[in-house]
All heavy atoms as atom14 arrays in JSON, in Angstrom:
{
  "sequence": "HLIDSVTFACGAEPVELALRLGARPGEQPRRASSAEVMDLLAGGGVES",
  "atom14_mask": [
    [1, 1, 1, 1, 1, 1, 1, 1, 1, 1, 0, 0, 0, 0],
    [1, 1, 1, 1, 1, 1, 1, 1, 0, 0, 0, 0, 0, 0],
    [1, 1, 1, 1, 1, 1, 1, 1, 0, 0, 0, 0, 0, 0],
    [1, 1, 1, 1, 1, 1, 1, 1, 0, 0, 0, 0, 0, 0],
    [1, 1, 1, 1, 1, 1, 0, 0, 0, 0, 0, 0, 0, 0],
    [1, 1, 1, 1, 1, 1, 1, 0, 0, 0, 0, 0, 0, 0],
    [1, 1, 1, 1, 1, 1, 1, 0, 0, 0, 0, 0, 0, 0],
    [1, 1, 1, 1, 1, 1, 1, 1, 1, 1, 1, 0, 0, 0],
    [1, 1, 1, 1, 1, 0, 0, 0, 0, 0, 0, 0, 0, 0],
    [1, 1, 1, 1, 1, 1, 0, 0, 0, 0, 0, 0, 0, 0],
    [1, 1, 1, 1, 0, 0, 0, 0, 0, 0, 0, 0, 0, 0],
    [1, 1, 1, 1, 1, 0, 0, 0, 0, 0, 0, 0, 0, 0],
    [1, 1, 1, 1, 1, 1, 1, 1, 1, 0, 0, 0, 0, 0],
    [1, 1, 1, 1, 1, 1, 1, 0, 0, 0, 0, 0, 0, 0],
    [1, 1, 1, 1, 1, 1, 1, 0, 0, 0, 0, 0, 0, 0],
    [1, 1, 1, 1, 1, 1, 1, 1, 1, 0, 0, 0, 0, 0],
    [1, 1, 1, 1, 1, 1, 1, 1, 0, 0, 0, 0, 0, 0],
    [1, 1, 1, 1, 1, 0, 0, 0, 0, 0, 0, 0, 0, 0],
    [1, 1, 1, 1, 1, 1, 1, 1, 0, 0, 0, 0, 0, 0],
    [1, 1, 1, 1, 1, 1, 1, 1, 1, 1, 1, 0, 0, 0],
    [1, 1, 1, 1, 1, 1, 1, 1, 0, 0, 0, 0, 0, 0],
    [1, 1, 1, 1, 0, 0, 0, 0, 0, 0, 0, 0, 0, 0],
    [1, 1, 1, 1, 1, 0, 0, 0, 0, 0, 0, 0, 0, 0],
    [1, 1, 1, 1, 1, 1, 1, 1, 1, 1, 1, 0, 0, 0],
    [1, 1, 1, 1, 1, 1, 1, 0, 0, 0, 0, 0, 0, 0],
    [1, 1, 1, 1, 0, 0, 0, 0, 0, 0, 0, 0, 0, 0],
    [1, 1, 1, 1, 1, 1, 1, 1, 1, 0, 0, 0, 0, 0],
    [1, 1, 1, 1, 1, 1, 1, 1, 1, 0, 0, 0, 0, 0],
    [1, 1, 1, 1, 1, 1, 1, 0, 0, 0, 0, 0, 0, 0],
    [1, 1, 1, 1, 1, 1, 1, 1, 1, 1, 1, 0, 0, 0],
    [1, 1, 1, 1, 1, 1, 1, 1, 1, 1, 1, 0, 0, 0],
    [1, 1, 1, 1, 1, 0, 0, 0, 0, 0, 0, 0, 0, 0],
    [1, 1, 1, 1, 1, 1, 0, 0, 0, 0, 0, 0, 0, 0],
    [1, 1, 1, 1, 1, 1, 0, 0, 0, 0, 0, 0, 0, 0],
    [1, 1, 1, 1, 1, 0, 0, 0, 0, 0, 0, 0, 0, 0],
    [1, 1, 1, 1, 1, 1, 1, 1, 1, 0, 0, 0, 0, 0],
    [1, 1, 1, 1, 1, 1, 1, 0, 0, 0, 0, 0, 0, 0],
    [1, 1, 1, 1, 1, 1, 1, 1, 0, 0, 0, 0, 0, 0],
    [1, 1, 1, 1, 1, 1, 1, 1, 0, 0, 0, 0, 0, 0],
    [1, 1, 1, 1, 1, 1, 1, 1, 0, 0, 0, 0, 0, 0],
    [1, 1, 1, 1, 1, 1, 1, 1, 0, 0, 0, 0, 0, 0],
    [1, 1, 1, 1, 1, 0, 0, 0, 0, 0, 0, 0, 0, 0],
    [1, 1, 1, 1, 0, 0, 0, 0, 0, 0, 0, 0, 0, 0],
    [1, 1, 1, 1, 0, 0, 0, 0, 0, 0, 0, 0, 0, 0],
    [1, 1, 1, 1, 0, 0, 0, 0, 0, 0, 0, 0, 0, 0],
    [1, 1, 1, 1, 1, 1, 1, 0, 0, 0, 0, 0, 0, 0],
    [1, 1, 1, 1, 1, 1, 1, 1, 1, 0, 0, 0, 0, 0],
    [1, 1, 1, 1, 1, 1, 0, 0, 0, 0, 0, 0, 0, 0]
  ],
  "atom14_positions": [
    [[-87.63, 104.4, 148.57], [-86.98, 105.55, 147.93], [-87.72, 106.88, 148.08], [-87.49, 107.79, 147.3], [-86.69, 105.25, 146.46], [-86.02, 103.92, 146.26], [-84.73, 103.68, 146.7], [-86.47, 102.77, 145.73], [-84.42, 102.42, 146.42], [-85.45, 101.86, 145.84], [0.0, 0.0, 0.0], [0.0, 0.0, 0.0], [0.0, 0.0, 0.0], [0.0, 0.0, 0.0]],
    [[-88.59, 107.0, 149.09], [-89.22, 108.29, 149.34], [-88.39, 109.11, 150.33], [-88.18, 110.29, 150.13], [-90.65, 108.11, 149.89], [-91.67, 107.52, 148.94], [-93.04, 107.45, 149.62], [-91.76, 108.32, 147.66], [0.0, 0.0, 0.0], [0.0, 0.0, 0.0], [0.0, 0.0, 0.0], [0.0, 0.0, 0.0], [0.0, 0.0, 0.0], [0.0, 0.0, 0.0]],
    [[-87.97, 108.47, 151.4], [-87.22, 109.12, 152.47], [-86.12, 108.17, 152.92], [-86.35, 106.97, 153.06], [-88.14, 109.43, 153.67], [-89.19, 110.47, 153.3], [-87.34, 109.91, 154.87], [-90.19, 110.74, 154.4], [0.0, 0.0, 0.0], [0.0, 0.0, 0.0], [0.0, 0.0, 0.0], [0.0, 0.0, 0.0], [0.0, 0.0, 0.0], [0.0, 0.0, 0.0]],
    [[-84.93, 108.71, 153.17], [-83.84, 107.89, 153.7], [-83.77, 107.96, 155.22], [-83.44, 106.98, 155.87], [-82.5, 108.32, 153.12], [-82.38, 108.01, 151.64], [-83.11, 107.12, 151.14], [-81.57, 108.67, 150.97], [0.0, 0.0, 0.0], [0.0, 0.0, 0.0], [0.0, 0.0, 0.0], [0.0, 0.0, 0.0], [0.0, 0.0, 0.0], [0.0, 0.0, 0.0]],
    [[-84.02, 109.16, 155.77], [-83.93, 109.33, 157.22], [-84.92, 110.39, 157.67], [-84.96, 111.49, 157.12], [-82.51, 109.77, 157.62], [-82.45, 110.04, 159.0], [0.0, 0.0, 0.0], [0.0, 0.0, 0.0], [0.0, 0.0, 0.0], [0.0, 0.0, 0.0], [0.0, 0.0, 0.0], [0.0, 0.0, 0.0], [0.0, 0.0, 0.0], [0.0, 0.0, 0.0]],
    [[-85.7, 110.03, 158.7], [-86.59, 111.01, 159.33], [-86.38, 110.9, 160.84], [-86.32, 109.81, 161.4], [-88.08, 110.79, 158.94], [-88.57, 109.41, 159.3], [-88.97, 111.85, 159.59], [0.0, 0.0, 0.0], [0.0, 0.0, 0.0], [0.0, 0.0, 0.0], [0.0, 0.0, 0.0], [0.0, 0.0, 0.0], [0.0, 0.0, 0.0], [0.0, 0.0, 0.0]],
    [[-86.21, 112.06, 161.46], [-86.02, 112.14, 162.91], [-87.15, 112.97, 163.49], [-87.44, 114.06, 162.99], [-84.67, 112.77, 163.26], [-83.62, 111.98, 162.69], [-84.46, 112.86, 164.76], [0.0, 0.0, 0.0], [0.0, 0.0, 0.0], [0.0, 0.0, 0.0], [0.0, 0.0, 0.0], [0.0, 0.0, 0.0], [0.0, 0.0, 0.0], [0.0, 0.0, 0.0]],
    [[-87.76, 112.46, 164.54], [-88.8, 113.17, 165.27], [-88.22, 113.6, 166.61], [-87.43, 112.87, 167.21], [-90.0, 112.26, 165.52], [-90.71, 111.8, 164.29], [-90.32, 110.64, 163.64], [-91.77, 112.52, 163.78], [-90.98, 110.2, 162.51], [-92.44, 112.08, 162.64], [-92.04, 110.93, 162.01], [0.0, 0.0, 0.0], [0.0, 0.0, 0.0], [0.0, 0.0, 0.0]],
    [[-88.63, 114.76, 167.11], [-88.17, 115.23, 168.42], [-89.34, 115.84, 169.18], [-90.05, 116.69, 168.65], [-87.05, 116.25, 168.27], [0.0, 0.0, 0.0], [0.0, 0.0, 0.0], [0.0, 0.0, 0.0], [0.0, 0.0, 0.0], [0.0, 0.0, 0.0], [0.0, 0.0, 0.0], [0.0, 0.0, 0.0], [0.0, 0.0, 0.0], [0.0, 0.0, 0.0]],
    [[-89.54, 115.39, 170.4], [-90.55, 115.96, 171.3], [-89.8, 116.71, 172.39], [-88.99, 116.11, 173.11], [-91.41, 114.85, 171.89], [-92.81, 115.47, 172.86], [0.0, 0.0, 0.0], [0.0, 0.0, 0.0], [0.0, 0.0, 0.0], [0.0, 0.0, 0.0], [0.0, 0.0, 0.0], [0.0, 0.0, 0.0], [0.0, 0.0, 0.0], [0.0, 0.0, 0.0]],
    [[-90.05, 118.02, 172.46], [-89.33, 118.85, 173.42], [-88.34, 119.77, 172.74], [-87.6, 120.48, 173.41], [0.0, 0.0, 0.0], [0.0, 0.0, 0.0], [0.0, 0.0, 0.0], [0.0, 0.0, 0.0], [0.0, 0.0, 0.0], [0.0, 0.0, 0.0], [0.0, 0.0, 0.0], [0.0, 0.0, 0.0], [0.0, 0.0, 0.0], [0.0, 0.0, 0.0]],
    [[-88.3, 119.75, 171.42], [-87.43, 120.66, 170.64], [-88.24, 121.18, 169.46], [-88.88, 120.4, 168.75], [-86.19, 119.93, 170.14], [0.0, 0.0, 0.0], [0.0, 0.0, 0.0], [0.0, 0.0, 0.0], [0.0, 0.0, 0.0], [0.0, 0.0, 0.0], [0.0, 0.0, 0.0], [0.0, 0.0, 0.0], [0.0, 0.0, 0.0], [0.0, 0.0, 0.0]],
    [[-88.22, 122.48, 169.28], [-88.91, 123.09, 168.14], [-88.18, 122.74, 166.84], [-87.01, 122.36, 166.87], [-88.97, 124.61, 168.32], [-89.88, 125.04, 169.47], [-91.32, 124.57, 169.3], [-91.85, 124.68, 168.18], [-91.9, 124.1, 170.29], [0.0, 0.0, 0.0], [0.0, 0.0, 0.0], [0.0, 0.0, 0.0], [0.0, 0.0, 0.0], [0.0, 0.0, 0.0]],
    [[-88.83, 122.88, 165.68], [-88.19, 122.49, 164.42], [-86.82, 123.13, 164.17], [-85.88, 122.44, 163.75], [-89.21, 122.92, 163.37], [-90.52, 122.8, 164.06], [-90.24, 123.24, 165.48], [0.0, 0.0, 0.0], [0.0, 0.0, 0.0], [0.0, 0.0, 0.0], [0.0, 0.0, 0.0], [0.0, 0.0, 0.0], [0.0, 0.0, 0.0], [0.0, 0.0, 0.0]],
    [[-86.68, 124.42, 164.43], [-85.38, 125.08, 164.19], [-84.32, 124.5, 165.12], [-83.18, 124.25, 164.72], [-85.5, 126.61, 164.34], [-84.13, 127.26, 164.32], [-86.39, 127.18, 163.23], [0.0, 0.0, 0.0], [0.0, 0.0, 0.0], [0.0, 0.0, 0.0], [0.0, 0.0, 0.0], [0.0, 0.0, 0.0], [0.0, 0.0, 0.0], [0.0, 0.0, 0.0]],
    [[-84.69, 124.25, 166.38], [-83.73, 123.66, 167.32], [-83.35, 122.24, 166.87], [-82.19, 121.84, 166.98], [-84.34, 123.62, 168.73], [-83.38, 123.06, 169.76], [-83.98, 122.99, 171.16], [-85.12, 123.44, 171.37], [-83.27, 122.47, 172.04], [0.0, 0.0, 0.0], [0.0, 0.0, 0.0], [0.0, 0.0, 0.0], [0.0, 0.0, 0.0], [0.0, 0.0, 0.0]],
    [[-84.3, 121.5, 166.34], [-84.0, 120.16, 165.82], [-82.99, 120.26, 164.68], [-82.02, 119.5, 164.64], [-85.29, 119.47, 165.36], [-85.14, 118.11, 164.68], [-84.37, 117.12, 165.55], [-86.51, 117.57, 164.31], [0.0, 0.0, 0.0], [0.0, 0.0, 0.0], [0.0, 0.0, 0.0], [0.0, 0.0, 0.0], [0.0, 0.0, 0.0], [0.0, 0.0, 0.0]],
    [[-83.19, 121.21, 163.79], [-82.23, 121.4, 162.68], [-80.84, 121.72, 163.22], [-79.84, 121.19, 162.73], [-82.72, 122.51, 161.75], [0.0, 0.0, 0.0], [0.0, 0.0, 0.0], [0.0, 0.0, 0.0], [0.0, 0.0, 0.0], [0.0, 0.0, 0.0], [0.0, 0.0, 0.0], [0.0, 0.0, 0.0], [0.0, 0.0, 0.0], [0.0, 0.0, 0.0]],
    [[-80.77, 122.57, 164.24], [-79.47, 122.91, 164.84], [-78.82, 121.68, 165.45], [-77.61, 121.47, 165.31], [-79.63, 124.01, 165.89], [-79.98, 125.39, 165.35], [-80.38, 126.33, 166.49], [-78.82, 125.97, 164.56], [0.0, 0.0, 0.0], [0.0, 0.0, 0.0], [0.0, 0.0, 0.0], [0.0, 0.0, 0.0], [0.0, 0.0, 0.0], [0.0, 0.0, 0.0]],
    [[-79.59, 120.86, 166.13], [-79.05, 119.66, 166.76], [-78.58, 118.64, 165.72], [-77.76, 117.78, 166.02], [-80.09, 119.04, 167.7], [-80.33, 119.88, 168.95], [-81.42, 119.3, 169.82], [-81.63, 120.11, 171.01], [-81.85, 119.62, 172.22], [-81.9, 118.32, 172.42], [-82.04, 120.44, 173.24], [0.0, 0.0, 0.0], [0.0, 0.0, 0.0], [0.0, 0.0, 0.0]],
    [[-79.1, 118.75, 164.5], [-78.67, 117.87, 163.41], [-77.53, 118.46, 162.6], [-77.1, 117.87, 161.61], [-79.86, 117.53, 162.51], [-80.89, 116.59, 163.11], [-82.14, 116.51, 162.25], [-80.3, 115.19, 163.33], [0.0, 0.0, 0.0], [0.0, 0.0, 0.0], [0.0, 0.0, 0.0], [0.0, 0.0, 0.0], [0.0, 0.0, 0.0], [0.0, 0.0, 0.0]],
    [[-77.06, 119.65, 162.99], [-75.87, 120.21, 162.34], [-76.06, 121.48, 161.56], [-75.1, 121.96, 160.94], [0.0, 0.0, 0.0], [0.0, 0.0, 0.0], [0.0, 0.0, 0.0], [0.0, 0.0, 0.0], [0.0, 0.0, 0.0], [0.0, 0.0, 0.0], [0.0, 0.0, 0.0], [0.0, 0.0, 0.0], [0.0, 0.0, 0.0], [0.0, 0.0, 0.0]],
    [[-77.27, 122.06, 161.54], [-77.44, 123.35, 160.86], [-76.6, 124.4, 161.57], [-76.36, 124.32, 162.78], [-78.92, 123.75, 160.86], [0.0, 0.0, 0.0], [0.0, 0.0, 0.0], [0.0, 0.0, 0.0], [0.0, 0.0, 0.0], [0.0, 0.0, 0.0], [0.0, 0.0, 0.0], [0.0, 0.0, 0.0], [0.0, 0.0, 0.0], [0.0, 0.0, 0.0]],
    [[-76.15, 125.38, 160.82], [-75.3, 126.44, 161.39], [-76.13, 127.43, 162.19], [-77.15, 127.93, 161.68], [-74.57, 127.16, 160.26], [-73.57, 126.27, 159.56], [-72.93, 126.97, 158.36], [-72.81, 125.96, 157.31], [-73.45, 126.0, 156.15], [-74.21, 127.0, 155.84], [-73.3, 125.03, 155.29], [0.0, 0.0, 0.0], [0.0, 0.0, 0.0], [0.0, 0.0, 0.0]],
    [[-75.7, 127.73, 163.41], [-76.42, 128.74, 164.21], [-76.49, 130.07, 163.45], [-75.53, 130.49, 162.82], [-75.57, 128.88, 165.47], [-74.81, 127.6, 165.56], [-74.56, 127.17, 164.14], [0.0, 0.0, 0.0], [0.0, 0.0, 0.0], [0.0, 0.0, 0.0], [0.0, 0.0, 0.0], [0.0, 0.0, 0.0], [0.0, 0.0, 0.0], [0.0, 0.0, 0.0]],
    [[-77.65, 130.69, 163.48], [-77.83, 131.97, 162.82], [-78.22, 131.87, 161.36], [-78.58, 132.88, 160.75], [0.0, 0.0, 0.0], [0.0, 0.0, 0.0], [0.0, 0.0, 0.0], [0.0, 0.0, 0.0], [0.0, 0.0, 0.0], [0.0, 0.0, 0.0], [0.0, 0.0, 0.0], [0.0, 0.0, 0.0], [0.0, 0.0, 0.0], [0.0, 0.0, 0.0]],
    [[-78.15, 130.67, 160.78], [-78.53, 130.5, 159.37], [-80.03, 130.74, 159.23], [-80.84, 130.23, 160.0], [-78.21, 129.08, 158.9], [-78.66, 128.81, 157.48], [-78.46, 127.36, 157.04], [-77.84, 126.59, 157.78], [-78.93, 127.03, 155.95], [0.0, 0.0, 0.0], [0.0, 0.0, 0.0], [0.0, 0.0, 0.0], [0.0, 0.0, 0.0], [0.0, 0.0, 0.0]],
    [[-80.39, 131.53, 158.26], [-81.79, 131.76, 157.95], [-82.28, 130.64, 157.04], [-81.71, 130.41, 155.97], [-81.99, 133.12, 157.27], [-81.71, 134.29, 158.19], [-82.61, 134.28, 159.42], [-83.82, 134.14, 159.31], [-82.02, 134.39, 160.6], [0.0, 0.0, 0.0], [0.0, 0.0, 0.0], [0.0, 0.0, 0.0], [0.0, 0.0, 0.0], [0.0, 0.0, 0.0]],
    [[-83.33, 129.94, 157.44], [-83.8, 128.84, 156.59], [-84.42, 129.37, 155.3], [-84.92, 130.48, 155.25], [-84.86, 128.16, 157.46], [-85.36, 129.23, 158.36], [-84.16, 130.13, 158.62], [0.0, 0.0, 0.0], [0.0, 0.0, 0.0], [0.0, 0.0, 0.0], [0.0, 0.0, 0.0], [0.0, 0.0, 0.0], [0.0, 0.0, 0.0], [0.0, 0.0, 0.0]],
    [[-84.32, 128.57, 154.28], [-85.02, 128.85, 153.03], [-86.21, 127.9, 152.98], [-86.2, 126.87, 153.63], [-84.09, 128.67, 151.83], [-83.57, 127.25, 151.7], [-82.62, 127.07, 150.56], [-81.3, 127.52, 150.95], [-80.26, 127.55, 150.16], [-80.37, 127.14, 148.92], [-79.11, 127.96, 150.57], [0.0, 0.0, 0.0], [0.0, 0.0, 0.0], [0.0, 0.0, 0.0]],
    [[-87.22, 128.22, 152.23], [-88.34, 127.33, 152.02], [-88.05, 126.53, 150.76], [-87.7, 127.11, 149.73], [-89.65, 128.11, 151.86], [-89.99, 129.02, 153.03], [-90.53, 128.32, 154.23], [-91.84, 127.76, 153.98], [-92.46, 126.95, 154.81], [-91.91, 126.62, 155.95], [-93.64, 126.47, 154.53], [0.0, 0.0, 0.0], [0.0, 0.0, 0.0], [0.0, 0.0, 0.0]],
    [[-88.12, 125.22, 150.85], [-87.78, 124.39, 149.69], [-88.6, 123.11, 149.72], [-88.97, 122.6, 150.78], [-86.29, 124.07, 149.69], [0.0, 0.0, 0.0], [0.0, 0.0, 0.0], [0.0, 0.0, 0.0], [0.0, 0.0, 0.0], [0.0, 0.0, 0.0], [0.0, 0.0, 0.0], [0.0, 0.0, 0.0], [0.0, 0.0, 0.0], [0.0, 0.0, 0.0]],
    [[-88.84, 122.59, 148.53], [-89.5, 121.3, 148.39], [-88.43, 120.2, 148.39], [-87.23, 120.47, 148.28], [-90.28, 121.25, 147.07], [-89.36, 121.24, 145.98], [0.0, 0.0, 0.0], [0.0, 0.0, 0.0], [0.0, 0.0, 0.0], [0.0, 0.0, 0.0], [0.0, 0.0, 0.0], [0.0, 0.0, 0.0], [0.0, 0.0, 0.0], [0.0, 0.0, 0.0]],
    [[-88.88, 118.98, 148.46], [-87.96, 117.84, 148.41], [-87.19, 117.84, 147.09], [-85.97, 117.64, 147.08], [-88.76, 116.55, 148.57], [-87.91, 115.43, 148.52], [0.0, 0.0, 0.0], [0.0, 0.0, 0.0], [0.0, 0.0, 0.0], [0.0, 0.0, 0.0], [0.0, 0.0, 0.0], [0.0, 0.0, 0.0], [0.0, 0.0, 0.0], [0.0, 0.0, 0.0]],
    [[-87.88, 118.09, 146.0], [-87.23, 118.1, 144.68], [-86.18, 119.2, 144.6], [-85.09, 118.99, 144.03], [-88.27, 118.27, 143.58], [0.0, 0.0, 0.0], [0.0, 0.0, 0.0], [0.0, 0.0, 0.0], [0.0, 0.0, 0.0], [0.0, 0.0, 0.0], [0.0, 0.0, 0.0], [0.0, 0.0, 0.0], [0.0, 0.0, 0.0], [0.0, 0.0, 0.0]],
    [[-86.46, 120.36, 145.16], [-85.5, 121.47, 145.13], [-84.25, 121.13, 145.93], [-83.13, 121.46, 145.52], [-86.14, 122.75, 145.66], [-87.18, 123.32, 144.72], [-88.03, 124.41, 145.35], [-88.22, 124.42, 146.59], [-88.52, 125.27, 144.59], [0.0, 0.0, 0.0], [0.0, 0.0, 0.0], [0.0, 0.0, 0.0], [0.0, 0.0, 0.0], [0.0, 0.0, 0.0]],
    [[-84.42, 120.44, 147.05], [-83.26, 120.04, 147.85], [-82.44, 119.0, 147.1], [-81.21, 119.06, 147.09], [-83.69, 119.53, 149.24], [-82.52, 118.91, 149.99], [-84.29, 120.65, 150.07], [0.0, 0.0, 0.0], [0.0, 0.0, 0.0], [0.0, 0.0, 0.0], [0.0, 0.0, 0.0], [0.0, 0.0, 0.0], [0.0, 0.0, 0.0], [0.0, 0.0, 0.0]],
    [[-83.1, 118.06, 146.46], [-82.38, 117.05, 145.68], [-81.59, 117.7, 144.54], [-80.44, 117.32, 144.29], [-83.35, 116.0, 145.13], [-84.03, 115.17, 146.21], [-82.9, 114.3, 147.29], [-82.29, 113.05, 146.19], [0.0, 0.0, 0.0], [0.0, 0.0, 0.0], [0.0, 0.0, 0.0], [0.0, 0.0, 0.0], [0.0, 0.0, 0.0], [0.0, 0.0, 0.0]],
    [[-82.17, 118.7, 143.89], [-81.46, 119.43, 142.84], [-80.25, 120.17, 143.41], [-79.18, 120.2, 142.79], [-82.39, 120.44, 142.14], [-83.42, 119.76, 141.25], [-83.25, 118.56, 140.95], [-84.4, 120.45, 140.88], [0.0, 0.0, 0.0], [0.0, 0.0, 0.0], [0.0, 0.0, 0.0], [0.0, 0.0, 0.0], [0.0, 0.0, 0.0], [0.0, 0.0, 0.0]],
    [[-80.41, 120.74, 144.6], [-79.33, 121.46, 145.26], [-78.15, 120.53, 145.55], [-76.99, 120.86, 145.29], [-79.85, 122.1, 146.56], [-78.9, 122.97, 147.35], [-78.56, 124.23, 146.57], [-79.54, 123.35, 148.68], [0.0, 0.0, 0.0], [0.0, 0.0, 0.0], [0.0, 0.0, 0.0], [0.0, 0.0, 0.0], [0.0, 0.0, 0.0], [0.0, 0.0, 0.0]],
    [[-78.45, 119.34, 146.04], [-77.38, 118.37, 146.33], [-76.73, 117.87, 145.05], [-75.52, 117.66, 145.02], [-77.94, 117.2, 147.14], [-78.06, 117.52, 148.63], [-79.47, 117.42, 149.09], [-77.19, 116.6, 149.42], [0.0, 0.0, 0.0], [0.0, 0.0, 0.0], [0.0, 0.0, 0.0], [0.0, 0.0, 0.0], [0.0, 0.0, 0.0], [0.0, 0.0, 0.0]],
    [[-77.53, 117.66, 144.02], [-76.99, 117.17, 142.75], [-76.09, 118.2, 142.09], [-75.18, 117.84, 141.34], [-78.13, 116.8, 141.8], [0.0, 0.0, 0.0], [0.0, 0.0, 0.0], [0.0, 0.0, 0.0], [0.0, 0.0, 0.0], [0.0, 0.0, 0.0], [0.0, 0.0, 0.0], [0.0, 0.0, 0.0], [0.0, 0.0, 0.0], [0.0, 0.0, 0.0]],
    [[-76.3, 119.5, 142.4], [-75.49, 120.57, 141.81], [-74.09, 120.65, 142.36], [-73.23, 121.36, 141.83], [0.0, 0.0, 0.0], [0.0, 0.0, 0.0], [0.0, 0.0, 0.0], [0.0, 0.0, 0.0], [0.0, 0.0, 0.0], [0.0, 0.0, 0.0], [0.0, 0.0, 0.0], [0.0, 0.0, 0.0], [0.0, 0.0, 0.0], [0.0, 0.0, 0.0]],
    [[-73.81, 119.94, 143.45], [-72.47, 119.95, 144.05], [-72.29, 121.09, 145.02], [-73.03, 122.07, 145.02], [0.0, 0.0, 0.0], [0.0, 0.0, 0.0], [0.0, 0.0, 0.0], [0.0, 0.0, 0.0], [0.0, 0.0, 0.0], [0.0, 0.0, 0.0], [0.0, 0.0, 0.0], [0.0, 0.0, 0.0], [0.0, 0.0, 0.0], [0.0, 0.0, 0.0]],
    [[-71.3, 120.96, 145.88], [-70.99, 121.99, 146.85], [-71.78, 121.87, 148.15], [-71.43, 122.46, 149.15], [0.0, 0.0, 0.0], [0.0, 0.0, 0.0], [0.0, 0.0, 0.0], [0.0, 0.0, 0.0], [0.0, 0.0, 0.0], [0.0, 0.0, 0.0], [0.0, 0.0, 0.0], [0.0, 0.0, 0.0], [0.0, 0.0, 0.0], [0.0, 0.0, 0.0]],
    [[-72.85, 121.11, 148.14], [-73.66, 120.87, 149.34], [-73.72, 119.37, 149.54], [-74.12, 118.63, 148.64], [-75.09, 121.45, 149.18], [-75.94, 121.09, 150.38], [-75.05, 122.95, 148.97], [0.0, 0.0, 0.0], [0.0, 0.0, 0.0], [0.0, 0.0, 0.0], [0.0, 0.0, 0.0], [0.0, 0.0, 0.0], [0.0, 0.0, 0.0], [0.0, 0.0, 0.0]],
    [[-73.3, 118.91, 150.73], [-73.29, 117.48, 151.02], [-74.55, 117.02, 151.75], [-74.94, 115.87, 151.65], [-72.08, 117.12, 151.88], [-70.76, 117.27, 151.16], [-69.61, 116.95, 152.07], [-69.77, 116.11, 152.98], [-68.53, 117.54, 151.89], [0.0, 0.0, 0.0], [0.0, 0.0, 0.0], [0.0, 0.0, 0.0], [0.0, 0.0, 0.0], [0.0, 0.0, 0.0]],
    [[-75.17, 117.94, 152.51], [-76.28, 117.53, 153.35], [-77.2, 118.71, 153.63], [-76.75, 119.84, 153.77], [-75.72, 116.97, 154.67], [-76.75, 116.51, 155.49], [0.0, 0.0, 0.0], [0.0, 0.0, 0.0], [0.0, 0.0, 0.0], [0.0, 0.0, 0.0], [0.0, 0.0, 0.0], [0.0, 0.0, 0.0], [0.0, 0.0, 0.0], [0.0, 0.0, 0.0]]
  ]
}
């Protein structure tokens, strides 16, 4: 129950990895902890 899915990529920078996993092009990332992301998902309106 620490992590459900972790993907590693060699040959792609972190932002490119996020894009390949479905992040929206041009989206500015926010800095967040694991707990903050879990709270965001629990609040509704965000699926992933």
